[in-house]
N, C-alpha and C. Protein backbone atom coordinates (compact mmCIF):
# COMPACT_ATOMS: atom_id res chain seq x y z
N MET A 1 0.80 -1.20 -0.15
CA MET A 1 -0.06 0.02 -0.08
C MET A 1 1.02 1.17 -0.18
N SER A 2 0.64 2.24 -0.83
CA SER A 2 1.34 3.39 -0.97
C SER A 2 1.18 4.30 0.40
N PHE A 3 2.15 5.15 0.38
CA PHE A 3 2.11 6.09 1.59
C PHE A 3 0.74 7.03 1.65
N ILE A 4 0.46 7.53 0.37
CA ILE A 4 -0.63 8.32 0.21
C ILE A 4 -1.95 7.72 0.48
N GLU A 5 -2.07 6.37 0.14
CA GLU A 5 -3.17 5.57 0.38
C GLU A 5 -3.36 5.35 1.87
N GLU A 6 -2.35 5.14 2.68
CA GLU A 6 -2.39 5.00 4.16
C GLU A 6 -2.86 6.23 4.82
N LYS A 7 -2.31 7.36 4.40
CA LYS A 7 -2.65 8.57 4.65
C LYS A 7 -4.21 9.10 4.39
N ILE A 8 -4.75 8.51 3.29
CA ILE A 8 -6.12 8.69 3.26
C ILE A 8 -6.88 8.01 4.00
N LEU A 9 -6.56 6.54 4.26
CA LEU A 9 -7.26 5.84 5.11
C LEU A 9 -7.34 6.42 6.45
N ALA A 10 -6.20 6.58 7.00
CA ALA A 10 -6.08 7.26 8.45
C ALA A 10 -6.99 8.61 8.44
N PHE A 11 -7.00 9.39 7.64
CA PHE A 11 -7.74 10.56 7.46
C PHE A 11 -9.35 10.13 7.47
N MET A 12 -9.93 9.13 6.76
CA MET A 12 -11.22 8.81 6.73
C MET A 12 -11.53 8.38 8.09
N ARG A 13 -10.65 7.57 8.54
CA ARG A 13 -11.12 6.97 10.20
C ARG A 13 -11.23 7.93 11.01
N LYS A 14 -10.32 8.97 10.99
CA LYS A 14 -10.24 9.94 11.84
C LYS A 14 -11.60 11.09 11.78
N HIS A 15 -11.60 11.42 10.50
CA HIS A 15 -12.80 12.45 10.19
C HIS A 15 -14.10 11.75 9.52
N ASN A 16 -14.24 10.77 9.56
CA ASN A 16 -15.34 10.11 9.09
C ASN A 16 -15.56 10.31 7.42
N GLY A 17 -14.55 10.46 6.87
CA GLY A 17 -14.81 10.80 5.36
C GLY A 17 -13.75 11.85 4.98
N ILE A 18 -13.58 12.02 3.63
CA ILE A 18 -12.65 12.78 2.94
C ILE A 18 -13.38 13.39 1.53
N THR A 19 -13.22 14.67 1.28
CA THR A 19 -13.56 15.17 -0.07
C THR A 19 -12.17 15.45 -0.87
N VAL A 20 -12.26 15.76 -2.27
CA VAL A 20 -11.04 15.93 -2.87
C VAL A 20 -10.46 17.14 -2.66
N LYS A 21 -11.26 18.20 -2.13
CA LYS A 21 -10.69 19.41 -1.73
C LYS A 21 -9.86 19.38 -0.48
N THR A 22 -10.42 18.58 0.43
CA THR A 22 -9.67 18.49 1.95
C THR A 22 -8.52 17.59 1.46
N CYS A 23 -8.57 16.54 0.64
CA CYS A 23 -7.44 15.88 0.39
C CYS A 23 -6.25 16.70 -0.37
N GLN A 24 -6.69 17.44 -1.19
CA GLN A 24 -5.65 18.24 -1.63
C GLN A 24 -4.98 19.29 -0.63
N ASP A 25 -5.93 19.91 0.30
CA ASP A 25 -5.62 20.90 1.29
C ASP A 25 -4.60 20.29 2.36
N LYS A 26 -5.09 18.99 2.75
CA LYS A 26 -4.52 18.49 3.93
C LYS A 26 -3.38 17.52 3.66
N LEU A 27 -3.43 16.68 2.68
CA LEU A 27 -2.55 15.59 2.11
C LEU A 27 -1.88 15.90 0.93
N GLY A 28 -2.11 16.89 0.21
CA GLY A 28 -1.15 17.40 -1.05
C GLY A 28 -1.50 16.52 -2.20
N THR A 29 -2.59 16.10 -2.23
CA THR A 29 -2.76 15.33 -3.65
C THR A 29 -4.33 15.62 -4.08
N THR A 30 -4.43 15.67 -5.52
CA THR A 30 -5.65 15.69 -6.04
C THR A 30 -6.12 14.39 -6.73
N GLU A 31 -5.37 13.15 -6.44
CA GLU A 31 -5.91 11.95 -7.00
C GLU A 31 -6.56 11.27 -5.99
N LEU A 32 -7.39 11.84 -5.35
CA LEU A 32 -8.47 10.99 -4.43
C LEU A 32 -9.21 9.91 -5.15
N ARG A 33 -9.80 10.37 -6.37
CA ARG A 33 -10.69 9.38 -7.07
C ARG A 33 -9.90 8.15 -7.39
N LYS A 34 -8.50 8.19 -7.79
CA LYS A 34 -7.84 7.12 -8.14
C LYS A 34 -7.47 6.35 -6.79
N MET A 35 -7.11 6.91 -5.70
CA MET A 35 -6.83 6.28 -4.52
C MET A 35 -7.98 5.60 -4.17
N VAL A 36 -9.05 6.13 -4.01
CA VAL A 36 -10.22 5.18 -3.69
C VAL A 36 -10.59 4.12 -4.48
N SER A 37 -10.32 4.25 -5.85
CA SER A 37 -10.34 3.28 -6.85
C SER A 37 -9.45 2.04 -6.22
N ASN A 38 -8.26 2.44 -6.18
CA ASN A 38 -7.19 1.40 -5.81
C ASN A 38 -7.46 0.70 -4.40
N LEU A 39 -7.81 1.64 -3.62
CA LEU A 39 -8.37 1.00 -2.26
C LEU A 39 -9.46 -0.06 -2.31
N LYS A 40 -10.59 0.36 -3.09
CA LYS A 40 -11.63 -0.48 -3.34
C LYS A 40 -11.12 -1.86 -3.90
N ASN A 41 -10.29 -1.86 -4.93
CA ASN A 41 -9.50 -2.92 -5.51
C ASN A 41 -8.87 -3.82 -4.39
N LYS A 42 -8.16 -3.33 -3.38
CA LYS A 42 -7.56 -3.89 -2.35
C LYS A 42 -8.51 -4.48 -1.30
N GLY A 43 -9.90 -4.36 -1.26
CA GLY A 43 -10.85 -4.97 -0.63
C GLY A 43 -11.22 -4.09 0.37
N TYR A 44 -10.99 -2.62 0.45
CA TYR A 44 -11.63 -1.82 1.41
C TYR A 44 -13.16 -1.37 0.80
N LYS A 45 -14.08 -1.35 1.73
CA LYS A 45 -15.35 -0.95 1.32
C LYS A 45 -15.50 0.52 1.75
N ILE A 46 -15.56 1.30 0.61
CA ILE A 46 -15.79 2.85 0.76
C ILE A 46 -17.01 3.32 -0.02
N GLY A 47 -17.78 3.90 0.72
CA GLY A 47 -18.64 4.59 0.07
C GLY A 47 -18.73 6.11 -0.40
N ASP A 48 -19.64 6.43 -0.99
CA ASP A 48 -19.50 8.01 -1.29
C ASP A 48 -21.01 8.39 -1.03
N VAL A 49 -21.15 9.89 -0.90
CA VAL A 49 -22.49 10.60 -0.77
C VAL A 49 -21.97 12.05 -1.50
N TRP A 50 -23.14 12.52 -2.08
CA TRP A 50 -23.16 13.99 -2.61
C TRP A 50 -23.26 14.88 -1.47
N GLU A 51 -22.32 15.69 -1.57
CA GLU A 51 -22.67 17.19 -0.60
C GLU A 51 -22.82 18.30 -1.51
N TYR A 52 -23.58 19.12 -0.99
CA TYR A 52 -24.03 20.30 -1.83
C TYR A 52 -23.71 21.54 -1.11
N GLY A 53 -23.36 22.59 -1.70
CA GLY A 53 -22.92 23.95 -1.03
C GLY A 53 -22.77 25.00 -2.29
N PHE A 54 -21.86 25.94 -1.91
CA PHE A 54 -21.60 27.01 -2.81
C PHE A 54 -19.93 27.04 -2.88
N ASN A 55 -19.54 27.51 -4.10
CA ASN A 55 -18.35 27.65 -4.45
C ASN A 55 -17.58 29.11 -3.99
N ARG A 56 -16.55 29.42 -4.22
CA ARG A 56 -16.03 30.69 -3.76
C ARG A 56 -16.95 31.93 -4.08
N TYR A 57 -17.59 31.59 -5.30
CA TYR A 57 -18.14 32.71 -6.07
C TYR A 57 -19.76 32.89 -5.66
N GLY A 58 -19.95 31.88 -4.85
CA GLY A 58 -21.47 31.87 -4.47
C GLY A 58 -22.31 31.12 -5.39
N ILE A 59 -21.76 30.22 -6.41
CA ILE A 59 -22.46 29.43 -7.23
C ILE A 59 -22.67 28.19 -6.72
N PRO A 60 -23.97 27.53 -6.63
CA PRO A 60 -24.22 26.27 -6.13
C PRO A 60 -23.48 25.16 -6.90
N THR A 61 -22.99 24.13 -5.99
CA THR A 61 -22.08 23.17 -6.53
C THR A 61 -22.16 22.09 -5.78
N ARG A 62 -21.66 20.82 -6.28
CA ARG A 62 -21.57 19.69 -5.41
C ARG A 62 -20.44 18.82 -5.43
N TRP A 63 -20.30 18.14 -4.66
CA TRP A 63 -18.85 17.18 -4.49
C TRP A 63 -19.16 16.08 -3.74
N LYS A 64 -18.36 15.29 -3.79
CA LYS A 64 -18.34 13.82 -3.06
C LYS A 64 -17.58 13.59 -1.72
N ARG A 65 -18.11 13.11 -0.66
CA ARG A 65 -17.33 12.68 0.22
C ARG A 65 -17.17 11.22 0.32
N TYR A 66 -16.16 10.67 0.46
CA TYR A 66 -15.86 9.24 0.29
C TYR A 66 -15.59 8.90 2.05
N PHE A 67 -16.21 7.74 2.20
CA PHE A 67 -16.01 7.29 3.64
C PHE A 67 -15.87 5.69 3.86
N LEU A 68 -15.39 5.37 4.80
CA LEU A 68 -15.23 3.80 4.95
C LEU A 68 -16.55 3.28 5.29
N ILE A 69 -16.88 2.11 4.80
CA ILE A 69 -18.18 1.29 5.34
C ILE A 69 -17.77 0.05 6.23
N ASN A 70 -18.22 -0.15 7.33
CA ASN A 70 -18.15 -1.24 8.14
C ASN A 70 -16.70 -1.71 8.16
N GLU A 71 -15.97 -1.11 8.47
CA GLU A 71 -14.37 -1.44 8.44
C GLU A 71 -14.28 -2.46 9.48
N ALA A 72 -15.09 -2.66 10.55
CA ALA A 72 -14.55 -3.72 11.42
C ALA A 72 -14.54 -5.03 11.05
N SER A 73 -15.28 -5.29 9.68
CA SER A 73 -15.41 -6.72 9.20
C SER A 73 -14.04 -6.76 8.25
N LYS A 74 -13.00 -6.04 8.21
CA LYS A 74 -11.92 -6.12 7.35
C LYS A 74 -10.85 -6.88 8.10
């Protein structure tokens, strides 16, 4: 498992999920979607949910939050 995958898992465990923006700001990568795909291929159960809000210009937008599902069974 890569260093960044470990960091993403740790962040999701601690904060109950992660978004692309948070991943970029806190972990320094914009490759969250790719890392989530890699983790799913490794057997991690990761779900996602759409969140809605406004961008810095006040325009409505949406983004996904990824989170671990039932990790106790892993």
